[in-house]
PDB file of all heavy atoms in Angstrom:
ATOM      1  N   GLY A   1     -45.239  24.018 -55.351  1.00  0.00           N
ATOM      2  CA  GLY A   1     -45.771  24.374 -56.586  1.00  0.00           C
ATOM      3  C   GLY A   1     -46.170  23.133 -57.429  1.00  0.00           C
ATOM      4  O   GLY A   1     -47.104  23.072 -58.109  1.00  0.00           O
ATOM      5  N   LEU A   2     -45.197  22.094 -57.298  1.00  0.00           N
ATOM      6  CA  LEU A   2     -45.476  20.833 -58.024  1.00  0.00           C
ATOM      7  C   LEU A   2     -46.775  20.140 -57.465  1.00  0.00           C
ATOM      8  O   LEU A   2     -47.493  19.497 -58.192  1.00  0.00           O
ATOM      9  CB  LEU A   2     -44.256  19.919 -57.954  1.00  0.00           C
ATOM     10  CG  LEU A   2     -43.010  20.404 -58.748  1.00  0.00           C
ATOM     11  CD1 LEU A   2     -41.882  19.507 -58.431  1.00  0.00           C
ATOM     12  CD2 LEU A   2     -43.362  20.375 -60.184  1.00  0.00           C
ATOM     13  N   VAL A   3     -46.825  20.234 -56.107  1.00  0.00           N
ATOM     14  CA  VAL A   3     -47.999  19.607 -55.485  1.00  0.00           C
ATOM     15  C   VAL A   3     -49.329  20.247 -56.001  1.00  0.00           C
ATOM     16  O   VAL A   3     -50.264  19.642 -56.326  1.00  0.00           O
ATOM     17  CB  VAL A   3     -47.894  19.692 -53.888  1.00  0.00           C
ATOM     18  CG1 VAL A   3     -49.294  19.349 -53.314  1.00  0.00           C
ATOM     19  CG2 VAL A   3     -46.832  18.809 -53.442  1.00  0.00           C
ATOM     20  N   PHE A   4     -49.349  21.607 -56.026  1.00  0.00           N
ATOM     21  CA  PHE A   4     -50.480  22.345 -56.554  1.00  0.00           C
ATOM     22  C   PHE A   4     -50.767  21.990 -58.056  1.00  0.00           C
ATOM     23  O   PHE A   4     -51.902  21.856 -58.411  1.00  0.00           O
ATOM     24  CB  PHE A   4     -50.363  23.784 -56.350  1.00  0.00           C
ATOM     25  CG  PHE A   4     -50.457  24.244 -54.966  1.00  0.00           C
ATOM     26  CD1 PHE A   4     -49.378  24.994 -54.355  1.00  0.00           C
ATOM     27  CD2 PHE A   4     -51.481  23.808 -54.098  1.00  0.00           C
ATOM     28  CE1 PHE A   4     -49.540  25.375 -52.992  1.00  0.00           C
ATOM     29  CE2 PHE A   4     -51.555  24.103 -52.752  1.00  0.00           C
ATOM     30  CZ  PHE A   4     -50.501  24.971 -52.216  1.00  0.00           C
ATOM     31  N   LEU A   5     -49.723  21.863 -58.813  1.00  0.00           N
ATOM     32  CA  LEU A   5     -49.878  21.475 -60.222  1.00  0.00           C
ATOM     33  C   LEU A   5     -50.512  20.087 -60.333  1.00  0.00           C
ATOM     34  O   LEU A   5     -51.414  19.909 -61.108  1.00  0.00           O
ATOM     35  CB  LEU A   5     -48.533  21.518 -60.938  1.00  0.00           C
ATOM     36  CG  LEU A   5     -48.493  21.159 -62.415  1.00  0.00           C
ATOM     37  CD1 LEU A   5     -49.333  22.242 -63.222  1.00  0.00           C
ATOM     38  CD2 LEU A   5     -47.084  21.039 -62.920  1.00  0.00           C
ATOM     39  N   LEU A   6     -49.996  19.163 -59.575  1.00  0.00           N
ATOM     40  CA  LEU A   6     -50.556  17.809 -59.619  1.00  0.00           C
ATOM     41  C   LEU A   6     -52.039  17.713 -59.087  1.00  0.00           C
ATOM     42  O   LEU A   6     -52.782  16.932 -59.540  1.00  0.00           O
ATOM     43  CB  LEU A   6     -49.612  16.797 -58.879  1.00  0.00           C
ATOM     44  CG  LEU A   6     -48.302  16.500 -59.495  1.00  0.00           C
ATOM     45  CD1 LEU A   6     -47.412  15.682 -58.599  1.00  0.00           C
ATOM     46  CD2 LEU A   6     -48.512  15.799 -60.871  1.00  0.00           C
ATOM     47  N   MET A   7     -52.289  18.628 -58.124  1.00  0.00           N
ATOM     48  CA  MET A   7     -53.682  18.635 -57.614  1.00  0.00           C
ATOM     49  C   MET A   7     -54.589  19.151 -58.785  1.00  0.00           C
ATOM     50  O   MET A   7     -55.650  18.572 -58.956  1.00  0.00           O
ATOM     51  CB  MET A   7     -53.793  19.618 -56.451  1.00  0.00           C
ATOM     52  CG  MET A   7     -53.229  19.020 -55.179  1.00  0.00           C
ATOM     53  SD  MET A   7     -53.286  20.222 -53.739  1.00  0.00           S
ATOM     54  CE  MET A   7     -54.972  20.549 -53.653  1.00  0.00           C
ATOM     55  N   LEU A   8     -54.178  20.058 -59.483  1.00  0.00           N
ATOM     56  CA  LEU A   8     -55.010  20.594 -60.666  1.00  0.00           C
ATOM     57  C   LEU A   8     -55.094  19.562 -61.733  1.00  0.00           C
ATOM     58  O   LEU A   8     -56.250  19.322 -62.301  1.00  0.00           O
ATOM     59  CB  LEU A   8     -54.412  21.828 -61.201  1.00  0.00           C
ATOM     60  CG  LEU A   8     -54.484  23.108 -60.355  1.00  0.00           C
ATOM     61  CD1 LEU A   8     -53.714  24.264 -60.915  1.00  0.00           C
ATOM     62  CD2 LEU A   8     -55.927  23.520 -60.056  1.00  0.00           C
ATOM     63  N   ILE A   9     -54.042  18.806 -62.006  1.00  0.00           N
ATOM     64  CA  ILE A   9     -54.088  17.798 -63.032  1.00  0.00           C
ATOM     65  C   ILE A   9     -55.031  16.647 -62.604  1.00  0.00           C
ATOM     66  O   ILE A   9     -55.774  16.154 -63.437  1.00  0.00           O
ATOM     67  CB  ILE A   9     -52.671  17.240 -63.358  1.00  0.00           C
ATOM     68  CG1 ILE A   9     -51.864  18.286 -64.076  1.00  0.00           C
ATOM     69  CG2 ILE A   9     -52.686  15.969 -64.126  1.00  0.00           C
ATOM     70  CD1 ILE A   9     -50.391  17.991 -64.189  1.00  0.00           C
ATOM     71  N   ASN A  10     -54.960  16.231 -61.331  1.00  0.00           N
ATOM     72  CA  ASN A  10     -55.815  15.108 -60.853  1.00  0.00           C
ATOM     73  C   ASN A  10     -57.231  15.524 -60.481  1.00  0.00           C
ATOM     74  O   ASN A  10     -58.054  14.756 -59.980  1.00  0.00           O
ATOM     75  CB  ASN A  10     -55.077  14.463 -59.695  1.00  0.00           C
ATOM     76  CG  ASN A  10     -53.870  13.725 -60.076  1.00  0.00           C
ATOM     77  OD1 ASN A  10     -53.869  13.083 -61.182  1.00  0.00           O
ATOM     78  ND2 ASN A  10     -52.882  13.786 -59.351  1.00  0.00           N
ATOM     79  N   GLY A  11     -57.567  16.799 -60.648  1.00  0.00           N
ATOM     80  CA  GLY A  11     -58.917  17.254 -60.402  1.00  0.00           C
ATOM     81  C   GLY A  11     -59.261  17.407 -58.979  1.00  0.00           C
ATOM     82  O   GLY A  11     -60.450  17.383 -58.582  1.00  0.00           O
ATOM     83  N   ILE A  12     -58.333  17.616 -58.033  1.00  0.00           N
ATOM     84  CA  ILE A  12     -58.580  17.884 -56.669  1.00  0.00           C
ATOM     85  C   ILE A  12     -58.903  19.334 -56.493  1.00  0.00           C
ATOM     86  O   ILE A  12     -58.104  20.195 -56.892  1.00  0.00           O
ATOM     87  CB  ILE A  12     -57.378  17.475 -55.708  1.00  0.00           C
ATOM     88  CG1 ILE A  12     -57.067  15.976 -55.949  1.00  0.00           C
ATOM     89  CG2 ILE A  12     -57.555  17.825 -54.335  1.00  0.00           C
ATOM     90  CD1 ILE A  12     -55.839  15.479 -55.210  1.00  0.00           C
ATOM     91  N   PRO A  13     -60.122  19.688 -55.981  1.00  0.00           N
ATOM     92  CA  PRO A  13     -60.518  21.022 -55.942  1.00  0.00           C
ATOM     93  C   PRO A  13     -59.785  21.813 -54.898  1.00  0.00           C
ATOM     94  O   PRO A  13     -59.359  21.348 -53.813  1.00  0.00           O
ATOM     95  CB  PRO A  13     -62.008  20.969 -55.513  1.00  0.00           C
ATOM     96  CG  PRO A  13     -62.049  19.640 -54.810  1.00  0.00           C
ATOM     97  CD  PRO A  13     -61.125  18.671 -55.452  1.00  0.00           C
ATOM     98  N   LEU A  14     -59.521  23.136 -55.152  1.00  0.00           N
ATOM     99  CA  LEU A  14     -58.911  24.044 -54.249  1.00  0.00           C
ATOM    100  C   LEU A  14     -59.989  24.742 -53.565  1.00  0.00           C
ATOM    101  O   LEU A  14     -60.968  25.219 -54.212  1.00  0.00           O
ATOM    102  CB  LEU A  14     -57.957  25.007 -54.972  1.00  0.00           C
ATOM    103  CG  LEU A  14     -56.777  24.395 -55.624  1.00  0.00           C
ATOM    104  CD1 LEU A  14     -55.946  25.424 -56.428  1.00  0.00           C
ATOM    105  CD2 LEU A  14     -55.861  23.690 -54.585  1.00  0.00           C
ATOM    106  N   SER A  15     -59.899  24.971 -52.248  1.00  0.00           N
ATOM    107  CA  SER A  15     -60.890  25.679 -51.478  1.00  0.00           C
ATOM    108  C   SER A  15     -60.204  26.684 -50.554  1.00  0.00           C
ATOM    109  O   SER A  15     -59.019  26.755 -50.497  1.00  0.00           O
ATOM    110  CB  SER A  15     -61.835  24.761 -50.737  1.00  0.00           C
ATOM    111  OG  SER A  15     -61.082  24.068 -49.697  1.00  0.00           O
ATOM    112  N   LEU A  16     -61.006  27.381 -49.854  1.00  0.00           N
ATOM    113  CA  LEU A  16     -60.427  28.329 -48.774  1.00  0.00           C
ATOM    114  C   LEU A  16     -59.713  27.623 -47.623  1.00  0.00           C
ATOM    115  O   LEU A  16     -59.034  28.204 -46.884  1.00  0.00           O
ATOM    116  CB  LEU A  16     -61.600  29.254 -48.265  1.00  0.00           C
ATOM    117  CG  LEU A  16     -62.068  30.234 -49.240  1.00  0.00           C
ATOM    118  CD1 LEU A  16     -63.138  31.134 -48.594  1.00  0.00           C
ATOM    119  CD2 LEU A  16     -60.924  31.256 -49.742  1.00  0.00           C
ATOM    120  N   GLN A  17     -59.924  26.344 -47.538  1.00  0.00           N
ATOM    121  CA  GLN A  17     -59.303  25.454 -46.570  1.00  0.00           C
ATOM    122  C   GLN A  17     -57.844  25.541 -46.764  1.00  0.00           C
ATOM    123  O   GLN A  17     -56.993  25.270 -45.856  1.00  0.00           O
ATOM    124  CB  GLN A  17     -59.823  24.017 -46.731  1.00  0.00           C
ATOM    125  CG  GLN A  17     -59.277  23.035 -45.822  1.00  0.00           C
ATOM    126  CD  GLN A  17     -59.874  23.264 -44.415  1.00  0.00           C
ATOM    127  OE1 GLN A  17     -60.895  23.941 -44.213  1.00  0.00           O
ATOM    128  NE2 GLN A  17     -59.208  22.611 -43.401  1.00  0.00           N
ATOM    129  N   ILE A  18     -57.349  25.849 -47.948  1.00  0.00           N
ATOM    130  CA  ILE A  18     -55.948  25.841 -48.269  1.00  0.00           C
ATOM    131  C   ILE A  18     -55.267  27.023 -47.441  1.00  0.00           C
ATOM    132  O   ILE A  18     -54.004  26.992 -47.325  1.00  0.00           O
ATOM    133  CB  ILE A  18     -55.747  26.054 -49.752  1.00  0.00           C
ATOM    134  CG1 ILE A  18     -54.401  25.412 -50.180  1.00  0.00           C
ATOM    135  CG2 ILE A  18     -55.833  27.457 -50.205  1.00  0.00           C
ATOM    136  CD1 ILE A  18     -54.302  25.156 -51.626  1.00  0.00           C
ATOM    137  N   LEU A  19     -56.000  27.930 -46.878  1.00  0.00           N
ATOM    138  CA  LEU A  19     -55.311  29.012 -46.183  1.00  0.00           C
ATOM    139  C   LEU A  19     -54.717  28.437 -44.836  1.00  0.00           C
ATOM    140  O   LEU A  19     -53.842  29.063 -44.245  1.00  0.00           O
ATOM    141  CB  LEU A  19     -56.324  30.136 -45.829  1.00  0.00           C
ATOM    142  CG  LEU A  19     -56.817  30.895 -47.067  1.00  0.00           C
ATOM    143  CD1 LEU A  19     -57.849  31.962 -46.645  1.00  0.00           C
ATOM    144  CD2 LEU A  19     -55.660  31.580 -47.771  1.00  0.00           C
ATOM    145  N   ASN A  20     -55.190  27.260 -44.422  1.00  0.00           N
ATOM    146  CA  ASN A  20     -54.584  26.601 -43.291  1.00  0.00           C
ATOM    147  C   ASN A  20     -53.113  26.113 -43.512  1.00  0.00           C
ATOM    148  O   ASN A  20     -52.453  25.703 -42.656  1.00  0.00           O
ATOM    149  CB  ASN A  20     -55.500  25.497 -42.790  1.00  0.00           C
ATOM    150  CG  ASN A  20     -56.742  25.895 -42.165  1.00  0.00           C
ATOM    151  OD1 ASN A  20     -56.708  26.779 -41.324  1.00  0.00           O
ATOM    152  ND2 ASN A  20     -57.797  25.391 -42.590  1.00  0.00           N
ATOM    153  N   PHE A  21     -52.794  26.153 -44.751  1.00  0.00           N
ATOM    154  CA  PHE A  21     -51.463  25.790 -45.248  1.00  0.00           C
ATOM    155  C   PHE A  21     -50.429  26.749 -44.713  1.00  0.00           C
ATOM    156  O   PHE A  21     -49.327  26.340 -44.387  1.00  0.00           O
ATOM    157  CB  PHE A  21     -51.482  25.772 -46.782  1.00  0.00           C
ATOM    158  CG  PHE A  21     -50.381  25.083 -47.418  1.00  0.00           C
ATOM    159  CD1 PHE A  21     -50.339  23.772 -47.479  1.00  0.00           C
ATOM    160  CD2 PHE A  21     -49.307  25.855 -48.039  1.00  0.00           C
ATOM    161  CE1 PHE A  21     -49.243  23.076 -48.152  1.00  0.00           C
ATOM    162  CE2 PHE A  21     -48.342  25.234 -48.688  1.00  0.00           C
ATOM    163  CZ  PHE A  21     -48.249  23.847 -48.681  1.00  0.00           C
ATOM    164  N   ILE A  22     -50.772  27.993 -44.591  1.00  0.00           N
ATOM    165  CA  ILE A  22     -49.744  29.025 -44.229  1.00  0.00           C
ATOM    166  C   ILE A  22     -49.286  28.827 -42.825  1.00  0.00           C
ATOM    167  O   ILE A  22     -48.022  28.862 -42.570  1.00  0.00           O
ATOM    168  CB  ILE A  22     -50.342  30.464 -44.416  1.00  0.00           C
ATOM    169  CG1 ILE A  22     -50.718  30.645 -45.952  1.00  0.00           C
ATOM    170  CG2 ILE A  22     -49.460  31.580 -43.886  1.00  0.00           C
ATOM    171  CD1 ILE A  22     -51.529  31.925 -46.254  1.00  0.00           C
ATOM    172  N   PRO A  23     -50.096  28.641 -41.749  1.00  0.00           N
ATOM    173  CA  PRO A  23     -49.553  28.435 -40.432  1.00  0.00           C
ATOM    174  C   PRO A  23     -48.680  27.168 -40.332  1.00  0.00           C
ATOM    175  O   PRO A  23     -47.776  27.125 -39.553  1.00  0.00           O
ATOM    176  CB  PRO A  23     -50.763  28.264 -39.576  1.00  0.00           C
ATOM    177  CG  PRO A  23     -51.889  28.840 -40.303  1.00  0.00           C
ATOM    178  CD  PRO A  23     -51.523  28.812 -41.804  1.00  0.00           C
ATOM    179  N   LEU A  24     -49.004  26.132 -41.155  1.00  0.00           N
ATOM    180  CA  LEU A  24     -48.209  24.941 -41.140  1.00  0.00           C
ATOM    181  C   LEU A  24     -46.840  25.240 -41.658  1.00  0.00           C
ATOM    182  O   LEU A  24     -45.837  24.724 -41.167  1.00  0.00           O
ATOM    183  CB  LEU A  24     -48.867  23.873 -42.003  1.00  0.00           C
ATOM    184  CG  LEU A  24     -50.093  23.222 -41.265  1.00  0.00           C
ATOM    185  CD1 LEU A  24     -50.702  22.231 -42.198  1.00  0.00           C
ATOM    186  CD2 LEU A  24     -49.784  22.617 -39.944  1.00  0.00           C
ATOM    187  N   VAL A  25     -46.642  25.969 -42.754  1.00  0.00           N
ATOM    188  CA  VAL A  25     -45.379  26.288 -43.276  1.00  0.00           C
ATOM    189  C   VAL A  25     -44.590  27.115 -42.254  1.00  0.00           C
ATOM    190  O   VAL A  25     -43.443  26.922 -42.120  1.00  0.00           O
ATOM    191  CB  VAL A  25     -45.545  27.048 -44.655  1.00  0.00           C
ATOM    192  CG1 VAL A  25     -44.178  27.560 -45.085  1.00  0.00           C
ATOM    193  CG2 VAL A  25     -46.144  26.158 -45.660  1.00  0.00           C
ATOM    194  N   ILE A  26     -45.221  28.102 -41.623  1.00  0.00           N
ATOM    195  CA  ILE A  26     -44.542  28.871 -40.514  1.00  0.00           C
ATOM    196  C   ILE A  26     -44.070  27.975 -39.399  1.00  0.00           C
ATOM    197  O   ILE A  26     -42.982  28.130 -38.901  1.00  0.00           O
ATOM    198  CB  ILE A  26     -45.525  30.030 -40.075  1.00  0.00           C
ATOM    199  CG1 ILE A  26     -45.726  30.995 -41.170  1.00  0.00           C
ATOM    200  CG2 ILE A  26     -44.937  30.629 -38.778  1.00  0.00           C
ATOM    201  CD1 ILE A  26     -46.753  32.029 -40.886  1.00  0.00           C
ATOM    202  N   LEU A  27     -44.946  27.034 -39.026  1.00  0.00           N
ATOM    203  CA  LEU A  27     -44.612  26.132 -37.967  1.00  0.00           C
ATOM    204  C   LEU A  27     -43.378  25.264 -38.338  1.00  0.00           C
ATOM    205  O   LEU A  27     -42.456  24.964 -37.617  1.00  0.00           O
ATOM    206  CB  LEU A  27     -45.736  25.239 -37.533  1.00  0.00           C
ATOM    207  CG  LEU A  27     -45.540  24.120 -36.488  1.00  0.00           C
ATOM    208  CD1 LEU A  27     -45.121  24.797 -35.153  1.00  0.00           C
ATOM    209  CD2 LEU A  27     -46.743  23.318 -36.342  1.00  0.00           C
ATOM    210  N   LEU A  28     -43.395  24.774 -39.618  1.00  0.00           N
ATOM    211  CA  LEU A  28     -42.393  23.924 -40.075  1.00  0.00           C
ATOM    212  C   LEU A  28     -41.001  24.688 -40.153  1.00  0.00           C
ATOM    213  O   LEU A  28     -39.896  24.218 -39.694  1.00  0.00           O
ATOM    214  CB  LEU A  28     -42.649  23.469 -41.471  1.00  0.00           C
ATOM    215  CG  LEU A  28     -41.571  22.607 -42.194  1.00  0.00           C
ATOM    216  CD1 LEU A  28     -41.395  21.267 -41.470  1.00  0.00           C
ATOM    217  CD2 LEU A  28     -42.051  22.305 -43.633  1.00  0.00           C
ATOM    218  N   VAL A  29     -40.980  26.026 -40.490  1.00  0.00           N
ATOM    219  CA  VAL A  29     -39.787  26.782 -40.523  1.00  0.00           C
ATOM    220  C   VAL A  29     -39.321  27.029 -39.122  1.00  0.00           C
ATOM    221  O   VAL A  29     -38.106  26.903 -38.809  1.00  0.00           O
ATOM    222  CB  VAL A  29     -40.087  28.103 -41.231  1.00  0.00           C
ATOM    223  CG1 VAL A  29     -38.956  29.098 -40.986  1.00  0.00           C
ATOM    224  CG2 VAL A  29     -40.269  27.920 -42.694  1.00  0.00           C
ATOM    225  N   LEU A  30     -40.274  27.304 -38.223  1.00  0.00           N
ATOM    226  CA  LEU A  30     -39.940  27.559 -36.763  1.00  0.00           C
ATOM    227  C   LEU A  30     -39.317  26.317 -36.137  1.00  0.00           C
ATOM    228  O   LEU A  30     -38.268  26.480 -35.418  1.00  0.00           O
ATOM    229  CB  LEU A  30     -41.147  27.990 -36.004  1.00  0.00           C
ATOM    230  CG  LEU A  30     -40.933  28.440 -34.554  1.00  0.00           C
ATOM    231  CD1 LEU A  30     -40.078  29.785 -34.545  1.00  0.00           C
ATOM    232  CD2 LEU A  30     -42.222  28.688 -33.846  1.00  0.00           C
ATOM    233  N   ILE A  31     -39.885  25.165 -36.243  1.00  0.00           N
ATOM    234  CA  ILE A  31     -39.301  23.955 -35.688  1.00  0.00           C
ATOM    235  C   ILE A  31     -37.935  23.621 -36.312  1.00  0.00           C
ATOM    236  O   ILE A  31     -37.021  23.317 -35.616  1.00  0.00           O
ATOM    237  CB  ILE A  31     -40.320  22.810 -35.850  1.00  0.00           C
ATOM    238  CG1 ILE A  31     -41.506  22.959 -35.005  1.00  0.00           C
ATOM    239  CG2 ILE A  31     -39.583  21.460 -35.620  1.00  0.00           C
ATOM    240  CD1 ILE A  31     -42.632  21.993 -35.175  1.00  0.00           C
ATOM    241  N   THR A  32     -37.808  23.856 -37.587  1.00  0.00           N
ATOM    242  CA  THR A  32     -36.542  23.506 -38.256  1.00  0.00           C
ATOM    243  C   THR A  32     -35.474  24.517 -37.798  1.00  0.00           C
ATOM    244  O   THR A  32     -34.343  24.064 -37.432  1.00  0.00           O
ATOM    245  CB  THR A  32     -36.686  23.661 -39.784  1.00  0.00           C
ATOM    246  OG1 THR A  32     -37.700  22.766 -40.233  1.00  0.00           O
ATOM    247  CG2 THR A  32     -35.397  23.338 -40.505  1.00  0.00           C
TER     248      THR A  32
END
């Protein structure tokens, strides 16, 4: 949430590419 907030503050655009974020979180949980 802090990363997304800082992205908005710094003007980094959000796109549909952000949906690739979900499999990475699942992979991180699975490896952990």
